[in-house]
Amino acid sequence: MDINAGDPILHQDADFRYRVRFEGRTYGPWTVDEPPPLGGGAGPAPRDVLAVAVGHCMSTTLYDCLRRARIPVRAIETTVANEVGRNAAGRQRVVRLRVAIRADPVDEADRPRMDRCISVFEEYCTVSGAVRAGIPIDTSVNGAPTRA
């Protein structure tokens, strides 16, 4: 597999804790871990990282729309709750993400343009659009595909 600039590379430090670096980037590394009792809670869990990715993409997509509409926004705050449940096979899955975005303040004179941005911004979010559609994942272990 080719590694591209920005691709995350995970290295197991202990049990469920991994150090994440991003190829060719100067930021990081991160630590990701499962919460107790499975892991040590040394960093966000995978479901939390997914929630951050969706929340960040939706926030920045809304911000970009507002900026292009020349609507000044001083602050955006986004909360993402992830709901974990069991699928039909009884395996745990993230079954729903609830995203709440607060963009303050909005001048009432900007309301029509704000409403337009709110009605379209989700269509342009790269991450949430892919998650909603279901992303195909090609997996290999030691170079061999795990599914035919």
N, C-alpha and C. Protein backbone atom coordinates (compact mmCIF):
# COMPACT_ATOMS: atom_id res chain seq x y z
N MET A 1 0.85 -1.18 0.00
CA MET A 1 0.00 0.00 0.00
C MET A 1 0.89 1.23 0.00
N ASP A 2 0.56 2.19 -0.85
CA ASP A 2 1.30 3.44 -0.87
C ASP A 2 0.85 4.33 0.27
N ILE A 3 1.80 5.02 0.89
CA ILE A 3 1.48 5.96 1.96
C ILE A 3 1.63 7.36 1.38
N ASN A 4 0.58 8.14 1.55
CA ASN A 4 0.56 9.51 1.03
C ASN A 4 0.74 10.51 2.16
N ALA A 5 1.14 11.72 1.81
CA ALA A 5 1.29 12.79 2.80
C ALA A 5 -0.01 12.96 3.56
N GLY A 6 0.08 12.98 4.85
CA GLY A 6 -1.09 13.18 5.70
C GLY A 6 -1.75 11.90 6.16
N ASP A 7 -1.39 10.75 5.55
CA ASP A 7 -2.00 9.49 5.97
C ASP A 7 -1.60 9.16 7.41
N PRO A 8 -2.55 8.72 8.23
CA PRO A 8 -2.19 8.34 9.59
C PRO A 8 -1.51 6.97 9.62
N ILE A 9 -0.51 6.85 10.46
CA ILE A 9 0.18 5.58 10.70
C ILE A 9 0.09 5.32 12.19
N LEU A 10 -0.47 4.17 12.56
CA LEU A 10 -0.69 3.81 13.95
C LEU A 10 0.35 2.79 14.40
N HIS A 11 0.95 3.03 15.56
CA HIS A 11 1.92 2.11 16.13
C HIS A 11 1.45 1.72 17.52
N GLN A 12 1.31 0.42 17.77
CA GLN A 12 0.82 -0.04 19.07
C GLN A 12 1.89 0.22 20.14
N ASP A 13 1.48 0.96 21.18
CA ASP A 13 2.35 1.20 22.33
C ASP A 13 2.13 0.17 23.41
N ALA A 14 0.87 -0.15 23.69
CA ALA A 14 0.52 -1.13 24.72
C ALA A 14 -0.94 -1.50 24.56
N ASP A 15 -1.23 -2.78 24.60
CA ASP A 15 -2.60 -3.27 24.55
C ASP A 15 -3.44 -2.50 23.52
N PHE A 16 -4.39 -1.67 23.97
CA PHE A 16 -5.30 -0.96 23.09
C PHE A 16 -4.87 0.48 22.82
N ARG A 17 -3.69 0.86 23.28
CA ARG A 17 -3.18 2.23 23.11
C ARG A 17 -2.23 2.26 21.91
N TYR A 18 -2.50 3.22 21.02
CA TYR A 18 -1.69 3.40 19.82
C TYR A 18 -1.21 4.84 19.71
N ARG A 19 -0.02 5.00 19.19
CA ARG A 19 0.52 6.33 18.87
C ARG A 19 0.24 6.54 17.38
N VAL A 20 -0.28 7.69 17.04
CA VAL A 20 -0.64 8.00 15.65
C VAL A 20 0.23 9.15 15.18
N ARG A 21 0.90 8.92 14.07
CA ARG A 21 1.61 10.03 13.42
C ARG A 21 1.04 10.15 12.01
N PHE A 22 1.24 11.30 11.44
CA PHE A 22 0.70 11.58 10.11
C PHE A 22 1.86 11.77 9.15
N GLU A 23 1.92 10.91 8.15
CA GLU A 23 3.03 10.90 7.20
C GLU A 23 3.28 12.29 6.61
N GLY A 24 4.52 12.75 6.75
CA GLY A 24 4.93 14.01 6.15
C GLY A 24 4.41 15.25 6.86
N ARG A 25 3.78 15.12 8.00
CA ARG A 25 3.24 16.26 8.73
C ARG A 25 4.08 16.52 9.97
N THR A 26 4.09 17.75 10.41
CA THR A 26 4.89 18.10 11.59
C THR A 26 4.10 18.06 12.87
N TYR A 27 2.78 17.95 12.81
CA TYR A 27 1.98 17.89 14.02
C TYR A 27 1.89 16.44 14.52
N GLY A 28 1.47 16.33 15.75
CA GLY A 28 1.33 15.01 16.35
C GLY A 28 2.56 14.67 17.16
N PRO A 29 2.73 13.48 17.60
CA PRO A 29 1.80 12.38 17.43
C PRO A 29 0.62 12.47 18.39
N TRP A 30 -0.41 11.73 18.07
CA TRP A 30 -1.58 11.58 18.93
C TRP A 30 -1.47 10.25 19.65
N THR A 31 -2.26 10.11 20.68
CA THR A 31 -2.47 8.81 21.32
C THR A 31 -3.96 8.51 21.25
N VAL A 32 -4.30 7.31 20.81
CA VAL A 32 -5.68 6.85 20.83
C VAL A 32 -5.72 5.59 21.69
N ASP A 33 -6.82 5.41 22.39
CA ASP A 33 -6.93 4.30 23.33
C ASP A 33 -8.41 4.00 23.56
N GLU A 34 -8.69 2.82 23.99
CA GLU A 34 -10.05 2.47 24.41
C GLU A 34 -10.23 2.91 25.86
N PRO A 35 -11.45 3.26 26.23
CA PRO A 35 -11.69 3.61 27.63
C PRO A 35 -11.64 2.36 28.52
N PRO A 36 -11.41 2.54 29.83
CA PRO A 36 -11.45 1.40 30.74
C PRO A 36 -12.83 0.76 30.71
N PRO A 37 -12.95 -0.49 30.95
CA PRO A 37 -11.94 -1.41 31.44
C PRO A 37 -11.11 -2.06 30.34
N LEU A 38 -11.49 -1.87 29.07
CA LEU A 38 -10.76 -2.49 27.97
C LEU A 38 -9.37 -1.89 27.81
N GLY A 39 -9.30 -0.56 27.72
CA GLY A 39 -8.02 0.13 27.58
C GLY A 39 -7.75 0.99 28.80
N GLY A 40 -6.79 1.89 28.66
CA GLY A 40 -6.42 2.75 29.77
C GLY A 40 -6.99 4.16 29.68
N GLY A 41 -7.68 4.48 28.59
CA GLY A 41 -8.25 5.81 28.44
C GLY A 41 -7.19 6.90 28.26
N ALA A 42 -6.05 6.55 27.66
CA ALA A 42 -4.95 7.50 27.49
C ALA A 42 -5.19 8.50 26.36
N GLY A 43 -6.25 8.30 25.60
CA GLY A 43 -6.57 9.19 24.50
C GLY A 43 -7.98 8.89 24.03
N PRO A 44 -8.43 9.60 23.00
CA PRO A 44 -9.78 9.36 22.51
C PRO A 44 -9.90 7.95 21.92
N ALA A 45 -11.10 7.40 22.04
CA ALA A 45 -11.41 6.10 21.44
C ALA A 45 -11.73 6.30 19.97
N PRO A 46 -11.67 5.23 19.17
CA PRO A 46 -11.98 5.36 17.74
C PRO A 46 -13.33 6.01 17.47
N ARG A 47 -14.36 5.68 18.22
CA ARG A 47 -15.67 6.29 17.99
C ARG A 47 -15.64 7.79 18.25
N ASP A 48 -14.79 8.22 19.21
CA ASP A 48 -14.65 9.65 19.49
C ASP A 48 -13.92 10.37 18.36
N VAL A 49 -12.91 9.71 17.79
CA VAL A 49 -12.18 10.31 16.67
C VAL A 49 -13.11 10.44 15.47
N LEU A 50 -13.97 9.44 15.25
CA LEU A 50 -14.97 9.53 14.18
C LEU A 50 -15.89 10.72 14.42
N ALA A 51 -16.35 10.88 15.66
CA ALA A 51 -17.24 12.00 16.00
C ALA A 51 -16.54 13.34 15.76
N VAL A 52 -15.26 13.42 16.13
CA VAL A 52 -14.50 14.66 15.90
C VAL A 52 -14.39 14.94 14.40
N ALA A 53 -14.10 13.92 13.61
CA ALA A 53 -13.96 14.11 12.17
C ALA A 53 -15.26 14.63 11.55
N VAL A 54 -16.38 14.03 11.93
CA VAL A 54 -17.67 14.47 11.39
C VAL A 54 -17.98 15.88 11.89
N GLY A 55 -17.81 16.13 13.18
CA GLY A 55 -18.11 17.45 13.74
C GLY A 55 -17.25 18.54 13.16
N HIS A 56 -15.96 18.26 12.99
CA HIS A 56 -15.05 19.28 12.43
C HIS A 56 -15.42 19.57 10.98
N CYS A 57 -15.67 18.53 10.20
CA CYS A 57 -16.01 18.73 8.79
C CYS A 57 -17.31 19.53 8.66
N MET A 58 -18.31 19.18 9.45
CA MET A 58 -19.57 19.90 9.35
C MET A 58 -19.41 21.35 9.81
N SER A 59 -18.66 21.58 10.87
CA SER A 59 -18.43 22.94 11.37
C SER A 59 -17.71 23.79 10.34
N THR A 60 -16.65 23.25 9.75
CA THR A 60 -15.88 24.03 8.79
C THR A 60 -16.64 24.23 7.49
N THR A 61 -17.47 23.26 7.11
CA THR A 61 -18.27 23.42 5.90
C THR A 61 -19.32 24.52 6.10
N LEU A 62 -19.96 24.53 7.27
CA LEU A 62 -20.91 25.61 7.57
C LEU A 62 -20.17 26.95 7.61
N TYR A 63 -19.02 26.99 8.28
CA TYR A 63 -18.25 28.23 8.37
C TYR A 63 -17.88 28.74 6.97
N ASP A 64 -17.44 27.83 6.10
CA ASP A 64 -17.06 28.24 4.75
C ASP A 64 -18.25 28.84 4.01
N CYS A 65 -19.41 28.24 4.15
CA CYS A 65 -20.61 28.78 3.50
C CYS A 65 -20.94 30.17 4.05
N LEU A 66 -20.88 30.31 5.37
CA LEU A 66 -21.17 31.61 5.98
C LEU A 66 -20.16 32.67 5.54
N ARG A 67 -18.91 32.28 5.49
CA ARG A 67 -17.85 33.20 5.06
C ARG A 67 -18.07 33.64 3.62
N ARG A 68 -18.40 32.71 2.75
CA ARG A 68 -18.66 33.04 1.34
C ARG A 68 -19.89 33.93 1.19
N ALA A 69 -20.86 33.76 2.11
CA ALA A 69 -22.07 34.60 2.09
C ALA A 69 -21.83 35.93 2.80
N ARG A 70 -20.60 36.15 3.25
CA ARG A 70 -20.20 37.39 3.93
C ARG A 70 -21.00 37.62 5.22
N ILE A 71 -21.21 36.52 5.93
CA ILE A 71 -21.89 36.60 7.23
C ILE A 71 -20.82 36.47 8.31
N PRO A 72 -20.61 37.52 9.08
CA PRO A 72 -19.58 37.43 10.12
C PRO A 72 -20.04 36.52 11.27
N VAL A 73 -19.22 35.55 11.59
CA VAL A 73 -19.50 34.64 12.70
C VAL A 73 -18.30 34.71 13.64
N ARG A 74 -18.53 35.05 14.88
CA ARG A 74 -17.43 35.17 15.84
C ARG A 74 -16.97 33.82 16.36
N ALA A 75 -17.91 32.90 16.53
CA ALA A 75 -17.53 31.60 17.09
C ALA A 75 -18.53 30.54 16.66
N ILE A 76 -17.99 29.36 16.41
CA ILE A 76 -18.81 28.19 16.15
C ILE A 76 -18.43 27.15 17.21
N GLU A 77 -19.44 26.58 17.84
CA GLU A 77 -19.20 25.51 18.79
C GLU A 77 -20.06 24.33 18.39
N THR A 78 -19.43 23.18 18.31
CA THR A 78 -20.12 21.97 17.85
C THR A 78 -19.97 20.87 18.88
N THR A 79 -21.08 20.22 19.17
CA THR A 79 -21.07 19.06 20.05
C THR A 79 -21.53 17.87 19.22
N VAL A 80 -20.81 16.76 19.36
CA VAL A 80 -21.17 15.54 18.64
C VAL A 80 -21.32 14.43 19.67
N ALA A 81 -22.51 13.87 19.73
CA ALA A 81 -22.76 12.72 20.60
C ALA A 81 -22.82 11.48 19.73
N ASN A 82 -22.07 10.46 20.12
CA ASN A 82 -22.15 9.22 19.35
C ASN A 82 -22.89 8.18 20.18
N GLU A 83 -23.80 7.50 19.51
CA GLU A 83 -24.61 6.47 20.15
C GLU A 83 -24.09 5.12 19.68
N VAL A 84 -23.73 4.29 20.64
CA VAL A 84 -23.24 2.96 20.34
C VAL A 84 -24.33 1.95 20.66
N GLY A 85 -24.56 1.04 19.76
CA GLY A 85 -25.55 -0.02 19.96
C GLY A 85 -25.09 -1.28 19.28
N ARG A 86 -25.95 -2.23 19.18
CA ARG A 86 -25.61 -3.51 18.56
C ARG A 86 -26.31 -3.64 17.21
N ASN A 87 -25.59 -4.20 16.25
CA ASN A 87 -26.18 -4.45 14.94
C ASN A 87 -26.94 -5.77 14.97
N ALA A 88 -27.47 -6.21 13.84
CA ALA A 88 -28.27 -7.43 13.78
C ALA A 88 -27.47 -8.66 14.20
N ALA A 89 -26.16 -8.62 14.03
CA ALA A 89 -25.30 -9.75 14.42
C ALA A 89 -24.87 -9.65 15.88
N GLY A 90 -25.32 -8.60 16.58
CA GLY A 90 -24.98 -8.44 17.98
C GLY A 90 -23.64 -7.77 18.24
N ARG A 91 -23.04 -7.20 17.21
CA ARG A 91 -21.75 -6.54 17.37
C ARG A 91 -21.94 -5.05 17.62
N GLN A 92 -21.08 -4.51 18.47
CA GLN A 92 -21.18 -3.08 18.77
C GLN A 92 -20.81 -2.25 17.56
N ARG A 93 -21.61 -1.20 17.34
CA ARG A 93 -21.38 -0.27 16.23
C ARG A 93 -21.80 1.13 16.68
N VAL A 94 -21.19 2.13 16.06
CA VAL A 94 -21.73 3.48 16.19
C VAL A 94 -22.99 3.46 15.35
N VAL A 95 -24.13 3.66 15.98
CA VAL A 95 -25.40 3.54 15.27
C VAL A 95 -25.99 4.90 14.91
N ARG A 96 -25.51 5.95 15.56
CA ARG A 96 -26.02 7.29 15.25
C ARG A 96 -25.04 8.32 15.79
N LEU A 97 -24.91 9.41 15.03
CA LEU A 97 -24.18 10.60 15.50
C LEU A 97 -25.18 11.74 15.56
N ARG A 98 -25.13 12.47 16.65
CA ARG A 98 -25.99 13.65 16.79
C ARG A 98 -25.08 14.87 16.85
N VAL A 99 -25.23 15.73 15.88
CA VAL A 99 -24.38 16.92 15.75
C VAL A 99 -25.21 18.16 16.05
N ALA A 100 -24.74 18.95 17.01
CA ALA A 100 -25.41 20.22 17.34
C ALA A 100 -24.38 21.34 17.15
N ILE A 101 -24.67 22.24 16.22
CA ILE A 101 -23.76 23.35 15.90
C ILE A 101 -24.40 24.64 16.37
N ARG A 102 -23.60 25.46 17.02
CA ARG A 102 -24.05 26.79 17.45
C ARG A 102 -23.12 27.82 16.82
N ALA A 103 -23.69 28.69 16.01
CA ALA A 103 -22.93 29.75 15.33
C ALA A 103 -23.42 31.08 15.87
N ASP A 104 -22.58 31.78 16.62
CA ASP A 104 -22.97 33.05 17.26
C ASP A 104 -22.08 34.18 16.85
N PRO A 105 -22.52 35.37 16.92
CA PRO A 105 -23.93 35.75 16.82
C PRO A 105 -24.30 35.93 15.36
N VAL A 106 -25.58 35.94 15.12
CA VAL A 106 -26.06 36.16 13.76
C VAL A 106 -26.97 37.39 13.79
N ASP A 107 -26.62 38.36 12.96
CA ASP A 107 -27.43 39.55 12.82
C ASP A 107 -28.70 39.17 12.05
N GLU A 108 -29.85 39.63 12.50
CA GLU A 108 -31.11 39.28 11.85
C GLU A 108 -31.14 39.71 10.38
N ALA A 109 -30.38 40.72 10.02
CA ALA A 109 -30.32 41.14 8.61
C ALA A 109 -29.68 40.04 7.75
N ASP A 110 -28.87 39.19 8.37
CA ASP A 110 -28.20 38.10 7.66
C ASP A 110 -29.01 36.81 7.64
N ARG A 111 -30.18 36.79 8.28
CA ARG A 111 -30.97 35.57 8.44
C ARG A 111 -31.27 34.85 7.13
N PRO A 112 -31.70 35.53 6.05
CA PRO A 112 -32.00 34.78 4.81
C PRO A 112 -30.77 34.05 4.27
N ARG A 113 -29.61 34.70 4.28
CA ARG A 113 -28.39 34.04 3.79
C ARG A 113 -27.96 32.93 4.73
N MET A 114 -28.14 33.15 6.04
CA MET A 114 -27.83 32.12 7.03
C MET A 114 -28.71 30.89 6.80
N ASP A 115 -30.00 31.12 6.60
CA ASP A 115 -30.92 30.02 6.36
C ASP A 115 -30.53 29.25 5.10
N ARG A 116 -30.08 29.96 4.08
CA ARG A 116 -29.63 29.29 2.84
C ARG A 116 -28.42 28.40 3.13
N CYS A 117 -27.46 28.91 3.88
CA CYS A 117 -26.28 28.11 4.23
C CYS A 117 -26.69 26.87 5.02
N ILE A 118 -27.57 27.06 5.98
CA ILE A 118 -28.03 25.93 6.79
C ILE A 118 -28.71 24.87 5.92
N SER A 119 -29.39 25.30 4.88
CA SER A 119 -30.11 24.34 4.04
C SER A 119 -29.20 23.56 3.09
N VAL A 120 -27.97 24.04 2.84
CA VAL A 120 -27.12 23.37 1.85
C VAL A 120 -25.79 22.85 2.37
N PHE A 121 -25.31 23.32 3.50
CA PHE A 121 -23.92 23.04 3.88
C PHE A 121 -23.62 21.55 4.03
N GLU A 122 -24.58 20.76 4.51
CA GLU A 122 -24.32 19.33 4.72
C GLU A 122 -24.01 18.60 3.42
N GLU A 123 -24.55 19.09 2.31
CA GLU A 123 -24.29 18.47 1.02
C GLU A 123 -22.82 18.54 0.63
N TYR A 124 -22.07 19.48 1.22
CA TYR A 124 -20.68 19.71 0.84
C TYR A 124 -19.68 19.15 1.84
N CYS A 125 -20.14 18.57 2.93
CA CYS A 125 -19.23 18.03 3.94
C CYS A 125 -18.69 16.69 3.48
N THR A 126 -17.39 16.64 3.23
CA THR A 126 -16.72 15.45 2.71
C THR A 126 -16.87 14.25 3.63
N VAL A 127 -16.67 14.45 4.92
CA VAL A 127 -16.65 13.33 5.86
C VAL A 127 -18.06 12.84 6.18
N SER A 128 -18.96 13.73 6.57
CA SER A 128 -20.30 13.27 6.93
C SER A 128 -21.02 12.66 5.73
N GLY A 129 -20.79 13.20 4.55
CA GLY A 129 -21.39 12.62 3.36
C GLY A 129 -20.91 11.20 3.11
N ALA A 130 -19.63 10.97 3.32
CA ALA A 130 -19.07 9.63 3.13
C ALA A 130 -19.58 8.67 4.21
N VAL A 131 -19.65 9.13 5.44
CA VAL A 131 -20.14 8.28 6.54
C VAL A 131 -21.60 7.91 6.30
N ARG A 132 -22.40 8.89 5.91
CA ARG A 132 -23.82 8.62 5.64
C ARG A 132 -24.01 7.58 4.53
N ALA A 133 -23.19 7.68 3.52
CA ALA A 133 -23.32 6.78 2.37
C ALA A 133 -22.75 5.40 2.65
N GLY A 134 -21.92 5.29 3.67
CA GLY A 134 -21.24 4.02 3.96
C GLY A 134 -19.99 3.94 3.11
N ILE A 135 -18.85 3.99 3.73
CA ILE A 135 -17.57 4.01 3.02
C ILE A 135 -17.07 2.59 2.82
N PRO A 136 -16.81 2.17 1.59
CA PRO A 136 -16.16 0.87 1.41
C PRO A 136 -14.77 0.91 2.03
N ILE A 137 -14.39 -0.17 2.69
CA ILE A 137 -13.08 -0.25 3.33
C ILE A 137 -12.36 -1.48 2.77
N ASP A 138 -11.23 -1.25 2.10
CA ASP A 138 -10.40 -2.34 1.61
C ASP A 138 -9.35 -2.62 2.68
N THR A 139 -9.32 -3.83 3.21
CA THR A 139 -8.44 -4.17 4.32
C THR A 139 -7.49 -5.30 3.92
N SER A 140 -6.23 -5.19 4.36
CA SER A 140 -5.29 -6.29 4.18
C SER A 140 -4.52 -6.47 5.50
N VAL A 141 -4.11 -7.69 5.76
CA VAL A 141 -3.26 -8.02 6.90
C VAL A 141 -2.01 -8.69 6.35
N ASN A 142 -0.86 -8.11 6.66
CA ASN A 142 0.42 -8.61 6.15
C ASN A 142 0.40 -8.72 4.63
N GLY A 143 -0.25 -7.76 4.00
CA GLY A 143 -0.26 -7.68 2.55
C GLY A 143 -1.36 -8.48 1.86
N ALA A 144 -2.07 -9.32 2.60
CA ALA A 144 -3.12 -10.13 1.99
C ALA A 144 -4.49 -9.55 2.29
N PRO A 145 -5.36 -9.46 1.29
CA PRO A 145 -6.71 -8.95 1.55
C PRO A 145 -7.43 -9.83 2.57
N THR A 146 -8.25 -9.20 3.41
CA THR A 146 -8.99 -9.98 4.40
C THR A 146 -10.31 -10.48 3.87
N ARG A 147 -10.78 -9.95 2.76
CA ARG A 147 -12.03 -10.39 2.14
C ARG A 147 -11.81 -10.52 0.64
N ALA A 148 -12.42 -11.54 0.07
CA ALA A 148 -12.24 -11.76 -1.37
C ALA A 148 -13.10 -10.83 -2.17
